[in-house]
Amino acid sequence: MTNKTINPKPPHEAGFHKADWPFYWITQTSSRYMQVMEQRLKDIGMDIAYWRVLMSLYEDQALSISEISTFCIIKPNTATKIIQRMTAQGLVTTAPSERDGRRTEVRLTEAGHTMRREARAIADEIFARAFEDLSREEQMVLNLLLEKVFNKLD
């Protein structure tokens, strides 16, 4: 990164350069990450949707389909279809919540945990390559800045 002051012009103004626009880099980075992950996950018979579901369930142990759709940034009916496929493959189980019988909870099976570990190893390799030139402090600053921007987009 250079030391020049970045003062991006709005896209409708003359002199606009996409490389000075933060959203350009946010979308480019996200798109590249998805392309790389999708290609690598394909090697183990998985896609991005499965990856997101497996990781959200690993962190939270049991989630409703509504929570999964929120965390995975997918529509509830899409989440339902993914969970049905994953259930048929023995990767997750579904059961009524003990606290609220109206809510169906989804949990990883042992096979789901195994697939998650394989996918996590791939994600860790991609992460290491993508962030090898950033210090831990720079990574933390990046996360804080992205979270700050995200929270302003409500």
Protein backbone atom coordinates (compact mmCIF):
# COMPACT_ATOMS: atom_id res chain seq x y z
CA MET A 1 0.00 0.00 0.00
CA THR A 2 1.29 3.45 -0.84
CA ASN A 3 1.39 6.43 1.48
CA LYS A 4 -0.79 8.57 -0.78
CA THR A 5 -3.98 9.92 0.70
CA ILE A 6 -6.95 8.02 -0.62
CA ASN A 7 -9.96 10.20 -1.23
CA PRO A 8 -12.17 8.16 -3.55
CA LYS A 9 -14.54 10.09 -5.74
CA PRO A 10 -18.09 8.83 -6.04
CA PRO A 11 -18.66 6.72 -9.17
CA HIS A 12 -20.73 9.47 -10.82
CA GLU A 13 -17.89 12.05 -10.69
CA ALA A 14 -15.21 12.59 -13.31
CA GLY A 15 -11.86 11.20 -12.28
CA PHE A 16 -13.37 8.18 -10.53
CA HIS A 17 -10.99 5.21 -10.34
CA LYS A 18 -12.42 1.89 -9.24
CA ALA A 19 -9.16 0.91 -7.53
CA ASP A 20 -9.66 3.82 -5.11
CA TRP A 21 -13.16 2.68 -4.20
CA PRO A 22 -13.16 0.37 -1.10
CA PHE A 23 -16.26 -1.52 -2.21
CA TYR A 24 -14.42 -2.51 -5.39
CA TRP A 25 -11.79 -4.32 -3.31
CA ILE A 26 -14.37 -5.76 -0.92
CA THR A 27 -16.35 -7.33 -3.77
CA GLN A 28 -13.26 -8.41 -5.71
CA THR A 29 -11.77 -10.07 -2.63
CA SER A 30 -15.02 -11.80 -1.74
CA SER A 31 -15.48 -13.04 -5.30
CA ARG A 32 -11.92 -14.34 -5.57
CA TYR A 33 -12.21 -16.08 -2.19
CA MET A 34 -15.44 -17.78 -3.28
CA GLN A 35 -13.88 -18.91 -6.58
CA VAL A 36 -10.82 -20.37 -4.87
CA MET A 37 -12.83 -22.04 -2.10
CA GLU A 38 -15.39 -23.45 -4.53
CA GLN A 39 -12.65 -25.00 -6.67
CA ARG A 40 -10.79 -26.48 -3.72
CA LEU A 41 -13.94 -27.73 -1.97
CA LYS A 42 -15.03 -29.46 -5.17
CA ASP A 43 -11.99 -31.74 -4.71
CA ILE A 44 -13.62 -33.20 -1.59
CA GLY A 45 -17.17 -33.24 -2.97
CA MET A 46 -18.36 -30.11 -1.22
CA ASP A 47 -19.60 -26.67 -2.18
CA ILE A 48 -19.67 -23.25 -0.51
CA ALA A 49 -23.20 -23.74 0.84
CA TYR A 50 -22.17 -26.94 2.66
CA TRP A 51 -19.02 -25.22 3.93
CA ARG A 52 -21.00 -22.36 5.46
CA VAL A 53 -23.52 -24.69 7.09
CA LEU A 54 -20.83 -26.98 8.50
CA MET A 55 -18.87 -24.06 9.96
CA SER A 56 -21.91 -22.35 11.47
CA LEU A 57 -23.01 -25.62 13.11
CA TYR A 58 -19.51 -26.34 14.38
CA GLU A 59 -19.30 -23.00 16.15
CA ASP A 60 -22.81 -23.07 17.58
CA GLN A 61 -23.43 -26.85 17.94
CA ALA A 62 -27.18 -26.63 17.22
CA LEU A 63 -29.01 -24.07 15.12
CA SER A 64 -32.48 -23.64 13.68
CA ILE A 65 -32.87 -23.53 9.92
CA SER A 66 -33.73 -19.83 10.26
CA GLU A 67 -30.45 -19.18 12.11
CA ILE A 68 -28.53 -21.16 9.51
CA SER A 69 -30.08 -19.11 6.70
CA THR A 70 -29.06 -15.90 8.49
CA PHE A 71 -25.48 -16.99 9.22
CA CYS A 72 -24.98 -18.49 5.75
CA ILE A 73 -26.58 -15.55 3.90
CA ILE A 74 -29.09 -17.76 2.09
CA LYS A 75 -32.89 -17.81 1.85
CA PRO A 76 -34.73 -20.01 4.37
CA ASN A 77 -36.15 -22.29 1.65
CA THR A 78 -32.62 -22.72 0.23
CA ALA A 79 -31.33 -23.55 3.73
CA THR A 80 -34.11 -26.12 4.12
CA LYS A 81 -33.13 -27.83 0.84
CA ILE A 82 -29.44 -27.87 1.79
CA ILE A 83 -30.24 -29.32 5.23
CA GLN A 84 -32.44 -32.00 3.61
CA ARG A 85 -29.57 -33.01 1.29
CA MET A 86 -27.08 -32.99 4.15
CA THR A 87 -29.45 -35.10 6.27
CA ALA A 88 -29.81 -37.64 3.44
CA GLN A 89 -26.00 -37.80 3.23
CA GLY A 90 -25.71 -38.38 6.98
CA LEU A 91 -23.87 -35.10 7.64
CA VAL A 92 -26.49 -33.55 9.94
CA THR A 93 -29.47 -34.57 12.03
CA THR A 94 -32.63 -32.61 12.72
CA ALA A 95 -34.84 -32.80 15.80
CA PRO A 96 -37.35 -30.63 17.63
CA SER A 97 -35.77 -28.28 20.14
CA GLU A 98 -36.07 -29.40 23.76
CA ARG A 99 -36.78 -25.79 24.78
CA ASP A 100 -39.20 -24.90 21.97
CA GLY A 101 -40.96 -27.73 20.17
CA ARG A 102 -41.88 -25.42 17.26
CA ARG A 103 -38.21 -25.01 16.44
CA THR A 104 -36.23 -27.67 14.56
CA GLU A 105 -32.57 -27.87 15.52
CA VAL A 106 -29.85 -29.03 13.16
CA ARG A 107 -26.68 -30.71 14.49
CA LEU A 108 -23.56 -32.16 12.89
CA THR A 109 -23.10 -35.93 12.86
CA GLU A 110 -19.68 -37.52 13.16
CA ALA A 111 -19.54 -37.67 9.35
CA GLY A 112 -20.39 -33.95 9.29
CA HIS A 113 -17.57 -33.22 11.73
CA THR A 114 -15.17 -35.23 9.55
CA MET A 115 -16.18 -33.33 6.41
CA ARG A 116 -15.90 -30.04 8.30
CA ARG A 117 -12.33 -30.89 9.37
CA GLU A 118 -11.36 -31.65 5.75
CA ALA A 119 -12.91 -28.41 4.53
CA ARG A 120 -11.36 -26.43 7.38
CA ALA A 121 -7.90 -27.69 6.40
CA ILE A 122 -8.51 -26.33 2.88
CA ALA A 123 -9.78 -23.01 4.25
CA ASP A 124 -6.75 -22.75 6.54
CA GLU A 125 -4.40 -23.18 3.56
CA ILE A 126 -6.22 -20.48 1.61
CA PHE A 127 -6.22 -18.19 4.63
CA ALA A 128 -2.49 -18.69 5.20
CA ARG A 129 -1.70 -17.83 1.58
CA ALA A 130 -4.03 -14.82 1.45
CA PHE A 131 -2.80 -13.30 4.70
CA GLU A 132 0.87 -14.32 4.71
CA ASP A 133 2.02 -10.71 4.23
CA LEU A 134 -0.22 -9.27 6.96
CA SER A 135 0.74 -9.26 10.61
CA ARG A 136 -1.75 -10.50 13.20
CA GLU A 137 -2.29 -6.87 14.19
CA GLU A 138 -3.06 -5.89 10.57
CA GLN A 139 -5.54 -8.75 10.32
CA MET A 140 -7.27 -7.57 13.49
CA VAL A 141 -7.42 -3.99 12.18
CA LEU A 142 -8.85 -5.24 8.88
CA ASN A 143 -11.55 -7.18 10.74
CA LEU A 144 -12.40 -4.17 12.89
CA LEU A 145 -12.63 -1.86 9.87
CA LEU A 146 -14.80 -4.29 7.90
CA GLU A 147 -17.08 -4.78 10.89
CA LYS A 148 -17.38 -1.01 11.27
CA VAL A 149 -18.37 -0.60 7.61
CA PHE A 150 -20.75 -3.57 7.83
CA ASN A 151 -22.53 -2.08 10.84
CA LYS A 152 -23.06 1.22 8.99
CA LEU A 153 -24.88 -0.56 6.16
CA ASP A 154 -28.06 -1.20 8.17
